[in-house]
Amino acid sequence: MKIWIPVGVVLVAVAAAVWLGQGRLQDATPGPAKRAKETRAVPVEIAAVERGAIERRRAFTGTLEARAEFVVAPKVSGRIEEISVDLADTVARGELVARLDDDEFVQAVAQVQADWAVAKANLGEARSLLVIAERELERVERLRKRGVASASQRDAAKADQLAKQAHVEVTKAQLTRAEAGLEAARIRLGYTQVAANWRGGRDQRLVAERYVDEGETVSANAPLLRIAEIDPIIAVFFVTERDYALLKPDQIALLRTDAFPGETFEGRIARIAPVFRESTRQARVEVWLDNSGLRLKPGMFVRATVVLDQVAQTTIVPEQALVRRDGRDGVFVLDPDRKSVVWREVIVGIRNAARVQVEGEGLGTHVVTLGQQLLDDGSAVSVQDGGEKVQ
């Protein structure tokens, strides 16, 4: 009897343990209603939908160039006596910038002028002789009419008159040649005064480079100075075929340079090359911009951003909000209750950095920017604290 009492107690304890275990197992296996009740919302981050302007831009790199430049060179050789300008000096249109030794040219003018004087005197003498010959011919003609002079005398007088007339023409030609030589000598003398002349553009330019010093002997057409016009200045960059079709004259270009960090200079596309360079398969594009302060210099490296297209008022969402489902673009829009989302198909327009233009219906005020891969139309969501990002 004493043995059976402990055994009974053990059996009761085992039965109680089995009953409790079955109850807990039933609680751990919920039914369909209980599973739906315990479905967890997807944590997401959201951003506000904007209404405003957006631009399509493309960035290029290039170099600044002078709008126009030319090299000043003498047309005759000689020793440089004076150069009146130096590097970075301002030069006016037609200003004398250099002077060469002109002693030889002055002497040449004097010599040719003397030749001209001789030719002029010879012409005067020839004309006088022609007058005498004509008078002699007239006298012989009168005498012949009276039967005093013979035909041979008349022929001799006529021949002399014609010779004197020809001599006048020859001396006229000699005088004309002497006058031409004198003018050429004077022109060559003028070439010793070297001026900076150009057509078009502004009346003042800058000395971009100086090649020689006073006292040097230079040959004809040897470069003395390089004169450049840098207001306006031209930014040049090259584009590939992919970007070529997007560019057109008068498009706005915003330029930056390391010389002036943080500053932006605005210009417009002035010219686009009609052909591509075969070596690089790129086309030249020129952007003109104002440089009245002369701060920008030719040779500077620039980064140009061209505004290809712009919309004044449209709907804008962050680029990371875009989702592609079944070959269609769309966004998940947050319901006003902030507890669920709705899928909205959109048409994507201009992209600018992390912002995208979209067109569609029912875009609401906020879209999901993180966690979309776990969502479907109507999914429950949980907006994370601090997860809203306003672009």
Protein backbone atom coordinates (compact mmCIF):
# COMPACT_ATOMS: atom_id res chain seq x y z
CA MET A 1 0.00 0.00 0.00
CA LYS A 2 2.84 2.35 0.84
CA ILE A 3 4.49 1.57 -2.55
CA TRP A 4 1.39 2.38 -4.67
CA ILE A 5 0.85 5.83 -3.18
CA PRO A 6 4.08 7.38 -4.69
CA VAL A 7 3.38 5.72 -8.07
CA GLY A 8 -0.08 7.32 -8.22
CA VAL A 9 1.34 10.72 -7.48
CA VAL A 10 3.82 10.37 -10.39
CA LEU A 11 1.07 9.34 -12.82
CA VAL A 12 -1.07 12.33 -11.87
CA ALA A 13 1.87 14.66 -12.43
CA VAL A 14 2.59 13.19 -15.90
CA ALA A 15 -1.06 13.51 -16.94
CA ALA A 16 -1.12 17.17 -15.87
CA ALA A 17 2.05 17.90 -17.87
CA VAL A 18 0.60 16.30 -21.02
CA TRP A 19 -2.62 18.32 -20.71
CA LEU A 20 -0.76 21.61 -20.28
CA GLY A 21 1.52 20.88 -23.28
CA GLN A 22 -1.44 20.19 -25.58
CA GLY A 23 -3.03 23.51 -24.61
CA ARG A 24 0.10 25.50 -25.36
CA LEU A 25 0.51 23.74 -28.72
CA GLN A 26 -3.00 24.72 -29.73
CA ASP A 27 -2.30 28.38 -28.78
CA ALA A 28 0.90 28.40 -30.88
CA THR A 29 -0.96 27.30 -34.09
CA PRO A 30 -3.25 30.23 -35.02
CA GLY A 31 -6.04 29.98 -37.55
CA PRO A 32 -6.48 32.12 -40.73
CA ALA A 33 -8.29 34.91 -38.92
CA LYS A 34 -5.63 35.11 -36.24
CA ARG A 35 -2.78 35.14 -38.85
CA ALA A 36 -4.40 38.06 -40.76
CA LYS A 37 -4.82 39.88 -37.48
CA GLU A 38 -1.14 39.54 -36.69
CA THR A 39 0.21 40.57 -40.26
CA ARG A 40 2.94 43.20 -39.73
CA ALA A 41 3.10 46.51 -41.69
CA VAL A 42 6.13 47.05 -43.99
CA PRO A 43 8.49 49.74 -42.65
CA VAL A 44 9.06 52.42 -45.31
CA GLU A 45 10.52 55.85 -45.82
CA ILE A 46 8.62 58.54 -47.69
CA ALA A 47 9.21 61.87 -49.40
CA ALA A 48 6.93 64.74 -50.34
CA VAL A 49 5.61 65.15 -53.90
CA GLU A 50 6.69 68.53 -55.30
CA ARG A 51 5.08 70.99 -57.67
CA GLY A 52 7.53 73.29 -59.38
CA ALA A 53 10.04 73.85 -62.18
CA ILE A 54 12.57 71.32 -63.41
CA GLU A 55 15.29 71.40 -66.05
CA ARG A 56 17.03 68.75 -68.11
CA ARG A 57 20.76 69.41 -68.08
CA ARG A 58 23.89 67.88 -69.56
CA ALA A 59 27.45 68.56 -68.37
CA PHE A 60 30.49 69.03 -70.61
CA THR A 61 34.12 70.05 -70.14
CA GLY A 62 35.94 72.50 -72.35
CA THR A 63 38.34 75.43 -72.66
CA LEU A 64 37.97 79.19 -72.93
CA GLU A 65 39.17 80.82 -76.13
CA ALA A 66 39.52 84.41 -77.30
CA ARG A 67 36.72 85.63 -79.52
CA ALA A 68 39.30 86.87 -82.03
CA GLU A 69 43.07 87.18 -82.15
CA PHE A 70 45.80 87.93 -84.65
CA VAL A 71 49.58 88.30 -84.81
CA VAL A 72 51.13 91.71 -85.48
CA ALA A 73 54.08 91.39 -87.87
CA PRO A 74 56.06 93.89 -89.98
CA LYS A 75 55.87 93.66 -93.76
CA VAL A 76 59.54 94.60 -94.10
CA SER A 77 62.69 93.48 -92.34
CA GLY A 78 64.72 95.73 -90.07
CA ARG A 79 65.90 96.51 -86.58
CA ILE A 80 63.24 97.23 -83.97
CA GLU A 81 63.74 100.68 -82.50
CA GLU A 82 60.63 100.81 -80.30
CA ILE A 83 57.76 98.64 -79.07
CA SER A 84 55.19 100.86 -77.37
CA VAL A 85 53.05 98.13 -75.72
CA ASP A 86 53.71 95.13 -73.54
CA LEU A 87 51.96 92.04 -72.24
CA ALA A 88 48.36 92.68 -71.02
CA ASP A 89 48.34 96.28 -72.30
CA THR A 90 45.21 97.62 -73.99
CA VAL A 91 45.55 98.37 -77.70
CA ALA A 92 43.17 100.58 -79.70
CA ARG A 93 42.20 99.87 -83.29
CA GLY A 94 44.86 101.34 -85.62
CA GLU A 95 47.30 102.18 -82.81
CA LEU A 96 51.05 102.18 -83.61
CA VAL A 97 52.63 99.41 -81.54
CA ALA A 98 56.17 99.17 -82.97
CA ARG A 99 58.68 101.17 -85.04
CA LEU A 100 61.54 99.83 -87.15
CA ASP A 101 64.74 101.59 -88.22
CA ASP A 102 63.74 103.52 -91.37
CA ASP A 103 67.01 105.12 -92.57
CA GLU A 104 67.32 102.88 -95.62
CA PHE A 105 63.68 103.39 -96.55
CA VAL A 106 63.94 107.18 -96.23
CA GLN A 107 66.96 107.10 -98.55
CA ALA A 108 65.09 104.90 -100.99
CA VAL A 109 62.23 107.39 -101.11
CA ALA A 110 64.66 110.24 -101.78
CA GLN A 111 66.32 108.32 -104.62
CA VAL A 112 63.05 107.38 -106.27
CA GLN A 113 61.81 110.94 -105.85
CA ALA A 114 64.88 112.16 -107.76
CA ASP A 115 64.16 109.65 -110.54
CA TRP A 116 60.61 110.97 -110.64
CA ALA A 117 61.90 114.54 -111.00
CA VAL A 118 64.15 113.52 -113.92
CA ALA A 119 61.26 111.74 -115.63
CA LYS A 120 59.08 114.81 -115.19
CA ALA A 121 61.76 117.06 -116.70
CA ASN A 122 62.23 114.67 -119.64
CA LEU A 123 58.50 114.82 -120.28
CA GLY A 124 58.63 118.62 -120.37
CA GLU A 125 61.52 118.53 -122.83
CA ALA A 126 59.77 116.01 -125.05
CA ARG A 127 56.65 118.11 -125.16
CA SER A 128 58.68 121.17 -126.18
CA LEU A 129 60.39 119.26 -128.97
CA LEU A 130 56.99 118.02 -130.13
CA VAL A 131 55.71 121.60 -130.34
CA ILE A 132 58.74 122.59 -132.46
CA ALA A 133 58.28 119.60 -134.75
CA GLU A 134 54.60 120.38 -135.24
CA ARG A 135 55.41 123.98 -136.14
CA GLU A 136 58.03 122.82 -138.62
CA LEU A 137 55.51 120.50 -140.24
CA GLU A 138 52.98 123.30 -140.53
CA ARG A 139 55.61 125.57 -142.17
CA VAL A 140 56.58 122.90 -144.70
CA GLU A 141 52.92 122.31 -145.49
CA ARG A 142 52.42 126.00 -146.27
CA LEU A 143 55.53 126.11 -148.43
CA ARG A 144 54.48 123.03 -150.33
CA LYS A 145 51.14 124.59 -151.14
CA ARG A 146 52.99 127.49 -152.75
CA GLY A 147 55.21 125.04 -154.61
CA VAL A 148 58.37 126.00 -152.73
CA ALA A 149 58.84 122.85 -150.63
CA SER A 150 59.14 119.39 -152.03
CA ALA A 151 57.29 116.25 -151.02
CA SER A 152 60.45 114.82 -149.49
CA GLN A 153 60.79 117.84 -147.21
CA ARG A 154 57.22 117.42 -146.13
CA ASP A 155 57.77 113.70 -145.40
CA ALA A 156 60.88 114.48 -143.38
CA ALA A 157 59.00 117.05 -141.29
CA LYS A 158 56.14 114.63 -140.73
CA ALA A 159 58.48 111.84 -139.63
CA ASP A 160 60.20 114.19 -137.17
CA GLN A 161 56.82 115.23 -135.76
CA LEU A 162 55.78 111.61 -135.27
CA ALA A 163 59.08 110.77 -133.59
CA LYS A 164 58.72 113.66 -131.20
CA GLN A 165 55.16 112.58 -130.45
CA ALA A 166 56.31 109.04 -129.68
CA HIS A 167 59.06 110.42 -127.47
CA VAL A 168 56.43 112.29 -125.47
CA GLU A 169 54.50 109.06 -124.90
CA VAL A 170 57.66 107.28 -123.79
CA THR A 171 58.53 109.98 -121.29
CA LYS A 172 54.96 109.93 -120.00
CA ALA A 173 55.32 106.20 -119.31
CA GLN A 174 58.66 106.80 -117.62
CA LEU A 175 57.07 109.45 -115.42
CA THR A 176 54.22 107.10 -114.53
CA ARG A 177 56.72 104.39 -113.62
CA ALA A 178 58.68 106.85 -111.49
CA GLU A 179 55.49 107.93 -109.72
CA ALA A 180 54.61 104.28 -109.02
CA GLY A 181 58.10 103.65 -107.70
CA LEU A 182 57.87 106.69 -105.48
CA GLU A 183 54.53 105.55 -104.08
CA ALA A 184 55.92 102.05 -103.46
CA ALA A 185 58.93 103.50 -101.66
CA ARG A 186 56.66 105.62 -99.49
CA ILE A 187 54.51 102.58 -98.70
CA ARG A 188 57.58 100.57 -97.72
CA LEU A 189 58.68 103.47 -95.55
CA GLY A 190 55.23 103.40 -93.89
CA TYR A 191 55.71 99.70 -93.14
CA THR A 192 58.39 100.65 -90.64
CA GLN A 193 55.55 102.03 -88.51
CA VAL A 194 53.74 98.86 -87.37
CA ALA A 195 50.08 99.35 -86.44
CA ALA A 196 47.51 96.99 -84.93
CA ASN A 197 44.60 97.00 -87.33
CA TRP A 198 41.57 94.72 -87.37
CA ARG A 199 38.03 94.64 -88.65
CA GLY A 200 34.86 94.04 -86.63
CA GLY A 201 34.53 93.48 -82.91
CA ARG A 202 35.39 96.02 -80.26
CA ASP A 203 37.71 99.00 -80.73
CA GLN A 204 40.05 97.83 -77.97
CA ARG A 205 41.86 94.56 -77.43
CA LEU A 206 44.64 93.20 -75.22
CA VAL A 207 48.24 92.17 -75.87
CA ALA A 208 48.14 88.42 -75.26
CA GLU A 209 51.82 87.74 -76.01
CA ARG A 210 55.02 89.63 -76.87
CA TYR A 211 57.63 87.81 -78.94
CA VAL A 212 60.55 90.26 -79.38
CA ASP A 213 62.35 93.10 -77.64
CA GLU A 214 63.70 96.43 -78.82
CA GLY A 215 67.02 96.22 -80.64
CA GLU A 216 66.34 92.85 -82.28
CA THR A 217 66.52 92.52 -86.03
CA VAL A 218 63.52 90.80 -87.52
CA SER A 219 62.62 89.60 -90.97
CA ALA A 220 59.47 90.43 -92.87
CA ASN A 221 56.34 88.81 -91.41
CA ALA A 222 58.15 87.81 -88.21
CA PRO A 223 55.66 87.89 -85.27
CA LEU A 224 56.01 90.80 -82.87
CA LEU A 225 52.81 90.70 -80.77
CA ARG A 226 49.65 88.64 -80.43
CA ILE A 227 46.52 90.75 -79.98
CA ALA A 228 43.34 89.14 -78.61
CA GLU A 229 39.76 90.16 -77.93
CA ILE A 230 38.40 88.44 -74.83
CA ASP A 231 35.10 90.29 -74.35
CA PRO A 232 32.96 88.46 -75.12
CA ILE A 233 34.89 85.25 -74.53
CA ILE A 234 34.12 81.86 -76.04
CA ALA A 235 33.86 78.54 -74.23
CA VAL A 236 34.56 75.61 -76.55
CA PHE A 237 33.65 72.00 -75.89
CA PHE A 238 33.14 68.95 -78.08
CA VAL A 239 30.12 66.63 -78.10
CA THR A 240 29.48 63.13 -79.35
CA GLU A 241 26.67 62.05 -81.64
CA ARG A 242 24.51 61.11 -78.65
CA ASP A 243 24.45 64.70 -77.35
CA TYR A 244 24.67 66.51 -80.69
CA ALA A 245 20.97 66.19 -81.50
CA LEU A 246 20.02 67.68 -78.12
CA LEU A 247 21.88 70.95 -78.65
CA LYS A 248 20.75 74.00 -80.58
CA PRO A 249 21.72 77.68 -80.78
CA ASP A 250 20.57 80.04 -77.99
CA GLN A 251 20.41 77.31 -75.36
CA ILE A 252 21.59 78.55 -71.96
CA ALA A 253 24.91 77.23 -70.67
CA LEU A 254 26.13 77.66 -67.09
CA LEU A 255 29.91 77.60 -66.73
CA ARG A 256 32.20 77.09 -63.75
CA THR A 257 35.97 77.35 -63.50
CA ASP A 258 38.47 76.53 -60.78
CA ALA A 259 39.75 80.11 -60.92
CA PHE A 260 36.50 81.33 -59.33
CA PRO A 261 35.12 78.50 -57.17
CA GLY A 262 31.46 78.83 -56.27
CA GLU A 263 30.70 81.28 -59.10
CA THR A 264 28.59 80.52 -62.15
CA PHE A 265 28.86 82.35 -65.47
CA GLU A 266 25.93 82.30 -67.88
CA GLY A 267 26.33 82.11 -71.64
CA ARG A 268 24.46 80.93 -74.71
CA ILE A 269 25.33 78.51 -77.45
CA ALA A 270 26.32 80.61 -80.46
CA ARG A 271 27.62 78.08 -82.99
CA ILE A 272 27.49 74.32 -83.49
CA ALA A 273 29.81 72.76 -86.04
CA PRO A 274 27.95 71.19 -88.98
CA VAL A 275 30.53 68.39 -89.26
CA PHE A 276 32.25 65.94 -86.91
CA ARG A 277 35.99 65.54 -86.63
CA GLU A 278 36.91 62.18 -88.09
CA SER A 279 39.72 61.60 -85.59
CA THR A 280 37.50 61.96 -82.50
CA ARG A 281 33.95 61.65 -83.91
CA GLN A 282 33.04 64.80 -82.05
CA ALA A 283 31.62 68.18 -83.08
CA ARG A 284 32.74 71.62 -81.87
CA VAL A 285 30.29 73.75 -79.88
CA GLU A 286 30.92 77.43 -79.06
CA VAL A 287 29.31 79.22 -76.12
CA TRP A 288 29.61 83.03 -76.00
CA LEU A 289 29.49 84.76 -72.65
CA ASP A 290 29.97 88.29 -71.39
CA ASN A 291 33.40 89.08 -69.98
CA SER A 292 33.17 92.81 -69.43
CA GLY A 293 35.22 92.51 -66.25
CA LEU A 294 37.92 90.58 -68.15
CA ARG A 295 38.05 88.03 -65.32
CA LEU A 296 37.85 85.01 -67.57
CA LYS A 297 40.97 84.29 -69.62
CA PRO A 298 41.59 82.19 -72.72
CA GLY A 299 43.04 78.80 -71.88
CA MET A 300 41.08 78.33 -68.64
CA PHE A 301 39.46 74.93 -68.12
CA VAL A 302 35.68 75.15 -67.70
CA ARG A 303 32.79 72.85 -66.89
CA ALA A 304 29.66 73.73 -68.85
CA THR A 305 26.13 72.68 -67.94
CA VAL A 306 23.68 73.13 -70.79
CA VAL A 307 19.94 73.45 -70.13
CA LEU A 308 18.46 71.14 -72.77
CA ASP A 309 14.82 71.46 -71.72
CA GLN A 310 12.77 73.01 -68.93
CA VAL A 311 9.21 72.92 -67.58
CA ALA A 312 7.87 75.79 -65.48
CA GLN A 313 5.26 73.89 -63.44
CA THR A 314 5.04 70.12 -63.10
CA THR A 315 4.94 67.21 -60.61
CA ILE A 316 8.33 66.11 -59.25
CA VAL A 317 9.27 63.07 -57.16
CA PRO A 318 12.62 61.70 -55.96
CA GLU A 319 14.21 59.37 -58.50
CA GLN A 320 14.49 56.62 -55.90
CA ALA A 321 10.69 56.58 -55.60
CA LEU A 322 10.34 55.15 -59.12
CA VAL A 323 9.48 51.45 -59.32
CA ARG A 324 9.18 49.33 -62.45
CA ARG A 325 6.55 46.59 -62.37
CA ASP A 326 5.51 44.49 -65.37
CA GLY A 327 7.36 46.82 -67.75
CA ARG A 328 5.62 49.94 -66.43
CA ASP A 329 6.95 52.83 -64.34
CA GLY A 330 5.11 53.85 -61.21
CA VAL A 331 5.28 54.97 -57.61
CA PHE A 332 3.71 53.85 -54.34
CA VAL A 333 1.58 56.72 -53.02
CA LEU A 334 0.93 56.96 -49.28
CA ASP A 335 -2.75 57.00 -48.31
CA PRO A 336 -3.96 59.95 -46.23
CA ASP A 337 -4.25 57.63 -43.21
CA ARG A 338 -0.50 56.91 -43.58
CA LYS A 339 -1.16 53.21 -42.97
CA SER A 340 -1.21 51.83 -46.52
CA VAL A 341 0.00 52.58 -50.05
CA VAL A 342 -1.50 52.61 -53.54
CA TRP A 343 0.36 51.80 -56.75
CA ARG A 344 0.11 54.58 -59.35
CA GLU A 345 1.46 54.24 -62.88
CA VAL A 346 3.32 57.32 -64.14
CA ILE A 347 4.94 58.71 -67.28
CA VAL A 348 8.54 59.73 -66.63
CA GLY A 349 9.73 63.06 -68.07
CA ILE A 350 12.77 65.20 -67.31
CA ARG A 351 15.41 63.82 -64.98
CA ASN A 352 17.62 66.22 -63.06
CA ALA A 353 20.04 64.78 -60.54
CA ALA A 354 17.85 62.96 -57.97
CA ARG A 355 14.59 64.58 -59.11
CA VAL A 356 12.24 63.28 -61.80
CA GLN A 357 9.26 64.80 -63.56
CA VAL A 358 6.24 62.45 -63.57
CA GLU A 359 2.74 62.60 -64.99
CA GLY A 360 -0.14 60.53 -63.64
CA GLU A 361 -3.33 60.56 -61.64
CA GLY A 362 -3.78 60.34 -57.88
CA LEU A 363 -0.18 61.02 -56.95
CA GLY A 364 -1.15 62.41 -53.55
CA THR A 365 1.25 64.25 -51.31
CA HIS A 366 3.85 61.61 -50.39
CA VAL A 367 5.53 58.68 -52.13
CA VAL A 368 7.58 55.77 -50.80
CA THR A 369 11.33 56.10 -51.35
CA LEU A 370 12.61 53.09 -49.41
CA GLY A 371 11.05 49.65 -48.97
CA GLN A 372 9.13 49.48 -52.29
CA GLN A 373 10.47 46.04 -53.11
CA LEU A 374 8.29 44.58 -50.32
CA LEU A 375 5.11 46.40 -51.33
CA ASP A 376 2.08 45.67 -53.49
CA ASP A 377 -0.98 47.74 -54.26
CA GLY A 378 -2.80 48.23 -50.93
CA SER A 379 0.03 46.97 -48.70
CA ALA A 380 0.07 48.11 -45.10
CA VAL A 381 3.03 50.25 -44.20
CA SER A 382 4.68 51.75 -41.21
CA VAL A 383 6.33 55.12 -41.80
CA GLN A 384 9.60 55.18 -39.92
CA ASP A 385 10.33 58.05 -37.60
CA GLY A 386 12.51 60.56 -39.40
CA GLY A 387 11.93 58.69 -42.64
CA GLU A 388 10.19 61.52 -44.48
CA LYS A 389 12.51 63.30 -46.86
CA VAL A 390 11.33 66.49 -48.49
CA GLN A 391 13.30 67.18 -51.70
